[in-house]
Amino acid sequence: MVTQCNYSLLVLDLMLPDIDGCILCEQLRTERNPIPVLMLTARDAVTDRVKGLESGADDYLVKPFEFIELLARVRALTRRDKVHRMQNIHIGDLRIDTLARSVVRSGKTIQLSPREYSLLETLARAEGRVLTREILQDVVWSGEDVYANTVDVCIGHLRRKIDAQYHTKLLKTVHGVGYRMQSDEE
């Protein structure tokens, strides 16, 4: 299930019926699955904790534990993951590094103008939600005087760069309303 759905956090026991939790965690990391992992187990030896963390777990909590500590660790891991996701946006095979302001689709770097990049990042941060032309104009053009079709023209440029040569289209038009970014698989 963790490879097919997007979860905020995986609480993983080491002693699973079919596979060792460390092996499962290593497999997730080998597959580049970035889900935060909290190992929750009765194994309390230092070597077990080290093995769990080295297998790719983000945190390790030994049973018995206080429930408030579990909640605090869950909140800390999801908070850290949220900050990481804000810096790196992934929609389908599109990767946006907001710190470097770089865009890659299917391993190919895509060159965008500063305005195109701002429009793409704005849409990507609101993944799945429809943004009206007015909202996009306010955010990307910051109150500048622009033509009525400025957003539409810039969307057209983005489509040619990020969607035209790919089967899966990420940039969707919601007729009469605006635009949204979403992978067909989502």
C-alpha atoms as a PDB file:
ATOM      1  CA  MET A   1       0.000   0.000   0.000  1.00  0.00           C
ATOM      2  CA  VAL A   2       2.824   2.420   0.768  1.00  0.00           C
ATOM      3  CA  THR A   3       4.110   2.161  -2.811  1.00  0.00           C
ATOM      4  CA  GLN A   4       0.675   2.810  -4.325  1.00  0.00           C
ATOM      5  CA  CYS A   5      -0.719   5.629  -2.153  1.00  0.00           C
ATOM      6  CA  ASN A   6       0.629   8.867  -0.723  1.00  0.00           C
ATOM      7  CA  TYR A   7       0.827   8.725   3.046  1.00  0.00           C
ATOM      8  CA  SER A   8       2.203  11.375   5.382  1.00  0.00           C
ATOM      9  CA  LEU A   9       4.071   8.903   7.564  1.00  0.00           C
ATOM     10  CA  LEU A  10       4.750   5.182   7.958  1.00  0.00           C
ATOM     11  CA  VAL A  11       4.818   3.733  11.477  1.00  0.00           C
ATOM     12  CA  LEU A  12       6.727   0.500  10.985  1.00  0.00           C
ATOM     13  CA  ASP A  13       7.227  -2.417  13.355  1.00  0.00           C
ATOM     14  CA  LEU A  14      10.435  -4.396  12.912  1.00  0.00           C
ATOM     15  CA  MET A  15       8.763  -7.738  13.561  1.00  0.00           C
ATOM     16  CA  LEU A  16       6.306  -8.116  10.678  1.00  0.00           C
ATOM     17  CA  PRO A  17       4.749 -11.470   9.707  1.00  0.00           C
ATOM     18  CA  ASP A  18       6.295 -11.786   6.220  1.00  0.00           C
ATOM     19  CA  ILE A  19       9.317  -9.480   6.196  1.00  0.00           C
ATOM     20  CA  ASP A  20      11.687  -7.788   8.606  1.00  0.00           C
ATOM     21  CA  GLY A  21      10.864  -4.083   9.039  1.00  0.00           C
ATOM     22  CA  CYS A  22      14.477  -3.075   8.326  1.00  0.00           C
ATOM     23  CA  ILE A  23      14.428  -4.937   5.011  1.00  0.00           C
ATOM     24  CA  LEU A  24      11.138  -3.265   4.066  1.00  0.00           C
ATOM     25  CA  CYS A  25      12.558   0.139   4.976  1.00  0.00           C
ATOM     26  CA  GLU A  26      15.702  -0.534   2.908  1.00  0.00           C
ATOM     27  CA  GLN A  27      13.509  -1.514  -0.064  1.00  0.00           C
ATOM     28  CA  LEU A  28      11.536   1.732   0.215  1.00  0.00           C
ATOM     29  CA  ARG A  29      14.740   3.772   0.252  1.00  0.00           C
ATOM     30  CA  THR A  30      16.214   1.791  -2.665  1.00  0.00           C
ATOM     31  CA  GLU A  31      13.039   2.663  -4.609  1.00  0.00           C
ATOM     32  CA  ARG A  32      13.606   6.319  -3.589  1.00  0.00           C
ATOM     33  CA  ASN A  33      10.357   6.433  -1.611  1.00  0.00           C
ATOM     34  CA  PRO A  34      10.699   9.558   0.555  1.00  0.00           C
ATOM     35  CA  ILE A  35       7.951   8.721   3.080  1.00  0.00           C
ATOM     36  CA  PRO A  36       9.031   9.506   6.655  1.00  0.00           C
ATOM     37  CA  VAL A  37       9.425   6.257   8.605  1.00  0.00           C
ATOM     38  CA  LEU A  38       9.044   5.894  12.367  1.00  0.00           C
ATOM     39  CA  MET A  39      10.145   2.482  13.590  1.00  0.00           C
ATOM     40  CA  LEU A  40       8.112   1.381  16.575  1.00  0.00           C
ATOM     41  CA  THR A  41       9.367  -1.825  18.151  1.00  0.00           C
ATOM     42  CA  ALA A  42      10.147  -3.772  21.305  1.00  0.00           C
ATOM     43  CA  ARG A  43      13.761  -4.261  20.198  1.00  0.00           C
ATOM     44  CA  ASP A  44      15.650  -1.888  22.470  1.00  0.00           C
ATOM     45  CA  ALA A  45      19.313  -2.836  22.009  1.00  0.00           C
ATOM     46  CA  VAL A  46      21.568  -0.094  20.702  1.00  0.00           C
ATOM     47  CA  THR A  47      22.549  -2.316  17.761  1.00  0.00           C
ATOM     48  CA  ASP A  48      18.855  -2.704  16.823  1.00  0.00           C
ATOM     49  CA  ARG A  49      18.307   1.056  16.961  1.00  0.00           C
ATOM     50  CA  VAL A  50      21.396   1.705  14.858  1.00  0.00           C
ATOM     51  CA  LYS A  51      20.346  -0.950  12.336  1.00  0.00           C
ATOM     52  CA  GLY A  52      16.851   0.568  12.103  1.00  0.00           C
ATOM     53  CA  LEU A  53      18.145   4.079  11.499  1.00  0.00           C
ATOM     54  CA  GLU A  54      20.787   2.890   9.022  1.00  0.00           C
ATOM     55  CA  SER A  55      18.123   0.995   7.062  1.00  0.00           C
ATOM     56  CA  GLY A  56      16.502   4.346   6.314  1.00  0.00           C
ATOM     57  CA  ALA A  57      14.178   5.040   9.233  1.00  0.00           C
ATOM     58  CA  ASP A  58      13.856   8.676  10.255  1.00  0.00           C
ATOM     59  CA  ASP A  59      13.160   7.910  13.901  1.00  0.00           C
ATOM     60  CA  TYR A  60      13.080   4.899  16.249  1.00  0.00           C
ATOM     61  CA  LEU A  61      10.798   4.506  19.252  1.00  0.00           C
ATOM     62  CA  VAL A  62      11.005   1.587  21.685  1.00  0.00           C
ATOM     63  CA  LYS A  63       7.971  -0.067  23.314  1.00  0.00           C
ATOM     64  CA  PRO A  64       6.648   0.581  25.854  1.00  0.00           C
ATOM     65  CA  PHE A  65       6.298   4.295  25.178  1.00  0.00           C
ATOM     66  CA  GLU A  66       4.151   7.194  26.296  1.00  0.00           C
ATOM     67  CA  PHE A  67       1.470   8.074  23.752  1.00  0.00           C
ATOM     68  CA  ILE A  68       2.280  11.796  23.979  1.00  0.00           C
ATOM     69  CA  GLU A  69       5.874  11.028  22.935  1.00  0.00           C
ATOM     70  CA  LEU A  70       4.620   9.057  19.916  1.00  0.00           C
ATOM     71  CA  LEU A  71       2.406  11.991  18.908  1.00  0.00           C
ATOM     72  CA  ALA A  72       5.272  14.454  19.333  1.00  0.00           C
ATOM     73  CA  ARG A  73       7.569  12.326  17.136  1.00  0.00           C
ATOM     74  CA  VAL A  74       4.841  11.942  14.487  1.00  0.00           C
ATOM     75  CA  ARG A  75       4.278  15.707  14.436  1.00  0.00           C
ATOM     76  CA  ALA A  76       8.022  16.374  14.186  1.00  0.00           C
ATOM     77  CA  LEU A  77       8.463  13.950  11.270  1.00  0.00           C
ATOM     78  CA  THR A  78       5.469  15.242   9.325  1.00  0.00           C
ATOM     79  CA  ARG A  79       6.572  18.844   9.950  1.00  0.00           C
ATOM     80  CA  ARG A  80      10.074  18.066   8.644  1.00  0.00           C
ATOM     81  CA  ASP A  81       8.600  16.256   5.625  1.00  0.00           C
ATOM     82  CA  LYS A  82       6.306  19.207   4.885  1.00  0.00           C
ATOM     83  CA  VAL A  83       9.289  21.586   4.808  1.00  0.00           C
ATOM     84  CA  HIS A  84      11.155  19.187   2.495  1.00  0.00           C
ATOM     85  CA  ARG A  85       8.157  18.882   0.184  1.00  0.00           C
ATOM     86  CA  MET A  86       7.849  22.658   0.026  1.00  0.00           C
ATOM     87  CA  GLN A  87      11.396  22.790  -1.365  1.00  0.00           C
ATOM     88  CA  ASN A  88      10.897  19.927  -3.822  1.00  0.00           C
ATOM     89  CA  ILE A  89       7.591  19.602  -5.630  1.00  0.00           C
ATOM     90  CA  HIS A  90       6.778  16.357  -7.453  1.00  0.00           C
ATOM     91  CA  ILE A  91       3.794  15.996  -9.751  1.00  0.00           C
ATOM     92  CA  GLY A  92       3.890  12.818 -11.816  1.00  0.00           C
ATOM     93  CA  ASP A  93       7.302  12.809 -13.524  1.00  0.00           C
ATOM     94  CA  LEU A  94       7.747  16.577 -13.070  1.00  0.00           C
ATOM     95  CA  ARG A  95      10.270  17.698 -10.445  1.00  0.00           C
ATOM     96  CA  ILE A  96      10.573  21.293  -9.287  1.00  0.00           C
ATOM     97  CA  ASP A  97      13.444  22.335  -7.028  1.00  0.00           C
ATOM     98  CA  THR A  98      12.196  25.619  -5.593  1.00  0.00           C
ATOM     99  CA  LEU A  99      15.556  26.568  -4.104  1.00  0.00           C
ATOM    100  CA  ALA A 100      17.439  26.155  -7.392  1.00  0.00           C
ATOM    101  CA  ARG A 101      14.363  27.220  -9.409  1.00  0.00           C
ATOM    102  CA  SER A 102      14.964  24.260 -11.692  1.00  0.00           C
ATOM    103  CA  VAL A 103      12.415  22.098 -13.496  1.00  0.00           C
ATOM    104  CA  VAL A 104      12.948  18.529 -14.731  1.00  0.00           C
ATOM    105  CA  ARG A 105      10.436  16.295 -16.501  1.00  0.00           C
ATOM    106  CA  SER A 106      11.227  12.631 -17.194  1.00  0.00           C
ATOM    107  CA  GLY A 107      14.899  13.370 -16.517  1.00  0.00           C
ATOM    108  CA  LYS A 108      15.025  16.260 -19.000  1.00  0.00           C
ATOM    109  CA  THR A 109      15.799  19.781 -17.757  1.00  0.00           C
ATOM    110  CA  ILE A 110      13.266  22.342 -18.925  1.00  0.00           C
ATOM    111  CA  GLN A 111      14.305  25.963 -19.376  1.00  0.00           C
ATOM    112  CA  LEU A 112      11.655  28.463 -18.297  1.00  0.00           C
ATOM    113  CA  SER A 113      11.561  32.236 -18.205  1.00  0.00           C
ATOM    114  CA  PRO A 114      11.277  33.729 -14.690  1.00  0.00           C
ATOM    115  CA  ARG A 115       7.574  34.454 -15.295  1.00  0.00           C
ATOM    116  CA  GLU A 116       6.885  30.947 -16.624  1.00  0.00           C
ATOM    117  CA  TYR A 117       8.686  29.463 -13.620  1.00  0.00           C
ATOM    118  CA  SER A 118       6.638  31.567 -11.176  1.00  0.00           C
ATOM    119  CA  LEU A 119       3.411  30.526 -12.872  1.00  0.00           C
ATOM    120  CA  LEU A 120       4.428  26.852 -12.817  1.00  0.00           C
ATOM    121  CA  GLU A 121       5.470  26.945  -9.159  1.00  0.00           C
ATOM    122  CA  THR A 122       2.235  28.702  -8.172  1.00  0.00           C
ATOM    123  CA  LEU A 123       0.148  26.045  -9.928  1.00  0.00           C
ATOM    124  CA  ALA A 124       2.290  23.181  -8.588  1.00  0.00           C
ATOM    125  CA  ARG A 125       2.065  24.353  -4.979  1.00  0.00           C
ATOM    126  CA  ALA A 126      -1.719  24.260  -5.340  1.00  0.00           C
ATOM    127  CA  GLU A 127      -1.627  20.792  -6.926  1.00  0.00           C
ATOM    128  CA  GLY A 128      -5.105  19.489  -7.678  1.00  0.00           C
ATOM    129  CA  ARG A 129      -6.802  22.798  -6.871  1.00  0.00           C
ATOM    130  CA  VAL A 130      -8.174  25.125  -9.534  1.00  0.00           C
ATOM    131  CA  LEU A 131      -6.657  28.609  -9.600  1.00  0.00           C
ATOM    132  CA  THR A 132      -8.545  31.324 -11.424  1.00  0.00           C
ATOM    133  CA  ARG A 133      -6.874  33.612 -13.950  1.00  0.00           C
ATOM    134  CA  GLU A 134      -7.339  36.475 -11.498  1.00  0.00           C
ATOM    135  CA  ILE A 135      -5.534  34.642  -8.697  1.00  0.00           C
ATOM    136  CA  LEU A 136      -2.686  33.658 -11.029  1.00  0.00           C
ATOM    137  CA  GLN A 137      -2.437  37.217 -12.319  1.00  0.00           C
ATOM    138  CA  ASP A 138      -2.316  38.633  -8.768  1.00  0.00           C
ATOM    139  CA  VAL A 139       0.317  36.151  -7.578  1.00  0.00           C
ATOM    140  CA  VAL A 140       2.578  35.980 -10.643  1.00  0.00           C
ATOM    141  CA  TRP A 141       2.258  39.516 -12.008  1.00  0.00           C
ATOM    142  CA  SER A 142       1.856  41.197  -8.580  1.00  0.00           C
ATOM    143  CA  GLY A 143      -0.580  43.892  -9.611  1.00  0.00           C
ATOM    144  CA  GLU A 144       1.229  44.887 -12.807  1.00  0.00           C
ATOM    145  CA  ASP A 145      -0.930  46.155 -15.640  1.00  0.00           C
ATOM    146  CA  VAL A 146      -1.321  43.204 -17.995  1.00  0.00           C
ATOM    147  CA  TYR A 147      -3.569  42.273 -20.889  1.00  0.00           C
ATOM    148  CA  ALA A 148      -6.673  40.184 -20.259  1.00  0.00           C
ATOM    149  CA  ASN A 149      -5.131  37.168 -22.009  1.00  0.00           C
ATOM    150  CA  THR A 150      -1.666  37.396 -20.419  1.00  0.00           C
ATOM    151  CA  VAL A 151      -2.233  34.375 -18.158  1.00  0.00           C
ATOM    152  CA  ASP A 152      -3.599  32.337 -21.081  1.00  0.00           C
ATOM    153  CA  VAL A 153      -0.587  33.195 -23.261  1.00  0.00           C
ATOM    154  CA  CYS A 154       1.868  32.212 -20.511  1.00  0.00           C
ATOM    155  CA  ILE A 155      -0.078  28.976 -19.905  1.00  0.00           C
ATOM    156  CA  GLY A 156       0.300  28.232 -23.626  1.00  0.00           C
ATOM    157  CA  HIS A 157       4.080  28.684 -23.370  1.00  0.00           C
ATOM    158  CA  LEU A 158       4.188  26.386 -20.329  1.00  0.00           C
ATOM    159  CA  ARG A 159       2.134  23.730 -22.122  1.00  0.00           C
ATOM    160  CA  ARG A 160       4.582  23.671 -25.018  1.00  0.00           C
ATOM    161  CA  LYS A 161       7.503  23.259 -22.623  1.00  0.00           C
ATOM    162  CA  ILE A 162       6.171  20.847 -19.995  1.00  0.00           C
ATOM    163  CA  ASP A 163       3.321  18.942 -21.663  1.00  0.00           C
ATOM    164  CA  ALA A 164       3.542  18.955 -25.477  1.00  0.00           C
ATOM    165  CA  GLN A 165       5.994  16.078 -25.903  1.00  0.00           C
ATOM    166  CA  TYR A 166       4.641  13.918 -23.063  1.00  0.00           C
ATOM    167  CA  HIS A 167       1.707  11.503 -23.039  1.00  0.00           C
ATOM    168  CA  THR A 168       0.559  12.518 -19.553  1.00  0.00           C
ATOM    169  CA  LYS A 169      -0.613  16.129 -19.489  1.00  0.00           C
ATOM    170  CA  LEU A 170      -0.081  17.875 -16.153  1.00  0.00           C
ATOM    171  CA  LEU A 171      -1.540  21.299 -16.899  1.00  0.00           C
ATOM    172  CA  LYS A 172      -5.339  21.147 -16.995  1.00  0.00           C
ATOM    173  CA  THR A 173      -7.847  23.773 -18.123  1.00  0.00           C
ATOM    174  CA  VAL A 174     -11.049  24.039 -16.144  1.00  0.00           C
ATOM    175  CA  HIS A 175     -13.226  25.839 -18.686  1.00  0.00           C
ATOM    176  CA  GLY A 176     -14.751  29.061 -17.446  1.00  0.00           C
ATOM    177  CA  VAL A 177     -12.814  28.868 -14.186  1.00  0.00           C
ATOM    178  CA  GLY A 178      -9.022  28.616 -14.535  1.00  0.00           C
ATOM    179  CA  TYR A 179      -6.183  26.102 -14.434  1.00  0.00           C
ATOM    180  CA  ARG A 180      -4.776  23.363 -12.241  1.00  0.00           C
ATOM    181  CA  MET A 181      -1.738  21.064 -12.157  1.00  0.00           C
ATOM    182  CA  GLN A 182      -2.436  17.383 -11.661  1.00  0.00           C
ATOM    183  CA  SER A 183      -1.068  14.081 -12.899  1.00  0.00           C
ATOM    184  CA  ASP A 184      -3.616  11.778 -14.549  1.00  0.00           C
ATOM    185  CA  GLU A 185      -2.615   9.032 -12.101  1.00  0.00           C
ATOM    186  CA  GLU A 186      -3.635  11.174  -9.125  1.00  0.00           C
END
